[in-house]
């Protein structure tokens, strides 16, 4: 039987464990930056200077929205971890479902605003 790999942050040095724990977060931020760089390269090569300026000008807004939602998910993770540690599965379930609902609603609102704010 295959054993699960668990990391206990309550014992021993935290630095190495925290580094490996944070790698997915850093990886996702790196992928987001590479996506933005690819946007700039493609638009800069095949579109006008105005389009390139628009992509550059809106990248900060996109990063703001992404980081806002990432921050909300980190906060939710803290609350969920507290309920998990307390073995309060009912509240953990409620926290998880609420977080997913807020994420979907935020995504729909951002999509609608983006759709109607885009000139045709």
Protein backbone atom coordinates (compact mmCIF):
# COMPACT_ATOMS: atom_id res chain seq x y z
CA UNK A 1 0.00 0.00 0.00
CA UNK A 2 1.32 3.41 -0.97
CA UNK A 3 1.91 5.77 1.93
CA UNK A 4 0.65 9.38 1.80
CA UNK A 5 3.28 12.08 1.95
CA UNK A 6 2.50 14.53 4.72
CA UNK A 7 4.44 17.54 5.94
CA UNK A 8 4.18 18.59 9.56
CA UNK A 9 4.81 22.32 9.96
CA UNK A 10 4.62 22.07 13.74
CA UNK A 11 7.91 20.19 14.15
CA UNK A 12 11.41 20.99 12.98
CA UNK A 13 12.65 23.81 10.75
CA UNK A 14 9.95 25.59 8.79
CA UNK A 15 12.04 27.30 6.07
CA UNK A 16 12.51 24.32 3.77
CA UNK A 17 8.97 23.09 4.23
CA UNK A 18 7.54 26.54 3.58
CA UNK A 19 9.64 26.92 0.42
CA UNK A 20 8.27 23.72 -1.10
CA UNK A 21 4.77 24.54 0.12
CA UNK A 22 4.91 27.93 -1.68
CA UNK A 23 6.29 26.58 -4.98
CA UNK A 24 2.87 26.13 -6.63
CA UNK A 25 1.99 29.73 -5.80
CA UNK A 26 5.24 31.01 -7.29
CA UNK A 27 4.74 28.77 -10.31
CA UNK A 28 1.26 30.15 -10.95
CA UNK A 29 2.52 33.73 -10.69
CA UNK A 30 5.37 32.93 -13.10
CA UNK A 31 2.92 31.43 -15.58
CA UNK A 32 0.73 34.53 -15.31
CA UNK A 33 3.71 36.78 -16.04
CA UNK A 34 4.73 34.61 -18.99
CA UNK A 35 1.17 34.76 -20.31
CA UNK A 36 1.27 38.56 -20.13
CA UNK A 37 4.68 38.60 -21.84
CA UNK A 38 3.34 36.37 -24.62
CA UNK A 39 0.39 38.72 -25.05
CA UNK A 40 2.74 41.66 -25.40
CA UNK A 41 4.96 39.85 -27.91
CA UNK A 42 2.08 38.71 -30.12
CA UNK A 43 0.27 42.05 -30.03
CA UNK A 44 3.52 43.94 -30.54
CA UNK A 45 4.37 41.85 -33.58
CA UNK A 46 0.99 41.65 -35.31
CA UNK A 47 -1.08 44.64 -34.14
CA UNK A 48 -0.85 48.41 -33.91
CA UNK A 49 0.99 50.52 -31.36
CA UNK A 50 -2.37 51.45 -29.85
CA UNK A 51 -3.22 47.79 -29.27
CA UNK A 52 0.16 47.22 -27.64
CA UNK A 53 -0.42 50.22 -25.38
CA UNK A 54 -3.86 48.84 -24.45
CA UNK A 55 -2.43 45.47 -23.46
CA UNK A 56 0.28 47.16 -21.41
CA UNK A 57 -2.17 49.53 -19.75
CA UNK A 58 -4.65 46.82 -18.76
CA UNK A 59 -2.11 44.29 -17.48
CA UNK A 60 -2.00 46.06 -14.11
CA UNK A 61 -5.78 45.80 -13.78
CA UNK A 62 -5.67 42.11 -14.66
CA UNK A 63 -2.94 41.50 -12.07
CA UNK A 64 -4.94 43.45 -9.49
CA UNK A 65 -8.01 41.26 -10.02
CA UNK A 66 -5.98 38.05 -10.01
CA UNK A 67 -4.11 39.00 -6.85
CA UNK A 68 -7.36 40.06 -5.15
CA UNK A 69 -8.90 36.66 -5.82
CA UNK A 70 -5.68 34.84 -4.84
CA UNK A 71 -5.66 36.79 -1.57
CA UNK A 72 -9.25 35.81 -0.93
CA UNK A 73 -8.41 32.17 -1.56
CA UNK A 74 -5.46 32.33 0.82
CA UNK A 75 -7.73 33.79 3.50
CA UNK A 76 -10.22 31.02 2.86
CA UNK A 77 -7.44 28.46 3.17
CA UNK A 78 -6.58 29.79 6.62
CA UNK A 79 -10.18 29.51 7.78
CA UNK A 80 -10.52 26.05 6.23
CA UNK A 81 -7.29 24.90 7.88
CA UNK A 82 -8.56 26.04 11.26
CA UNK A 83 -11.79 24.09 10.83
CA UNK A 84 -9.88 21.06 9.56
CA UNK A 85 -7.54 21.22 12.55
CA UNK A 86 -10.51 21.47 14.88
CA UNK A 87 -12.10 18.51 13.05
CA UNK A 88 -15.20 20.63 12.43
CA UNK A 89 -16.15 19.11 9.08
CA UNK A 90 -19.53 20.85 8.88
CA UNK A 91 -17.92 24.31 9.01
CA UNK A 92 -15.11 23.17 6.71
CA UNK A 93 -17.70 22.02 4.18
CA UNK A 94 -19.58 25.33 4.50
CA UNK A 95 -16.37 27.35 4.11
CA UNK A 96 -15.35 25.41 1.03
CA UNK A 97 -18.74 25.77 -0.65
CA UNK A 98 -18.95 29.46 0.20
CA UNK A 99 -15.49 30.05 -1.24
CA UNK A 100 -16.36 28.23 -4.44
CA UNK A 101 -19.63 30.14 -4.76
CA UNK A 102 -17.90 33.50 -4.27
CA UNK A 103 -15.28 32.51 -6.85
CA UNK A 104 -17.88 31.58 -9.44
CA UNK A 105 -19.92 34.73 -8.79
CA UNK A 106 -16.78 36.90 -9.01
CA UNK A 107 -15.83 35.20 -12.28
CA UNK A 108 -19.27 35.77 -13.76
CA UNK A 109 -19.32 39.43 -12.68
CA UNK A 110 -15.83 40.07 -14.06
CA UNK A 111 -16.79 38.35 -17.32
CA UNK A 112 -19.97 40.39 -17.72
CA UNK A 113 -18.23 43.68 -16.92
CA UNK A 114 -15.42 42.78 -19.34
CA UNK A 115 -17.84 41.85 -22.08
CA UNK A 116 -19.85 45.07 -21.85
CA UNK A 117 -16.82 47.30 -21.24
CA UNK A 118 -15.14 46.09 -24.42
CA UNK A 119 -15.80 48.28 -27.43
CA UNK A 120 -17.15 46.40 -30.43
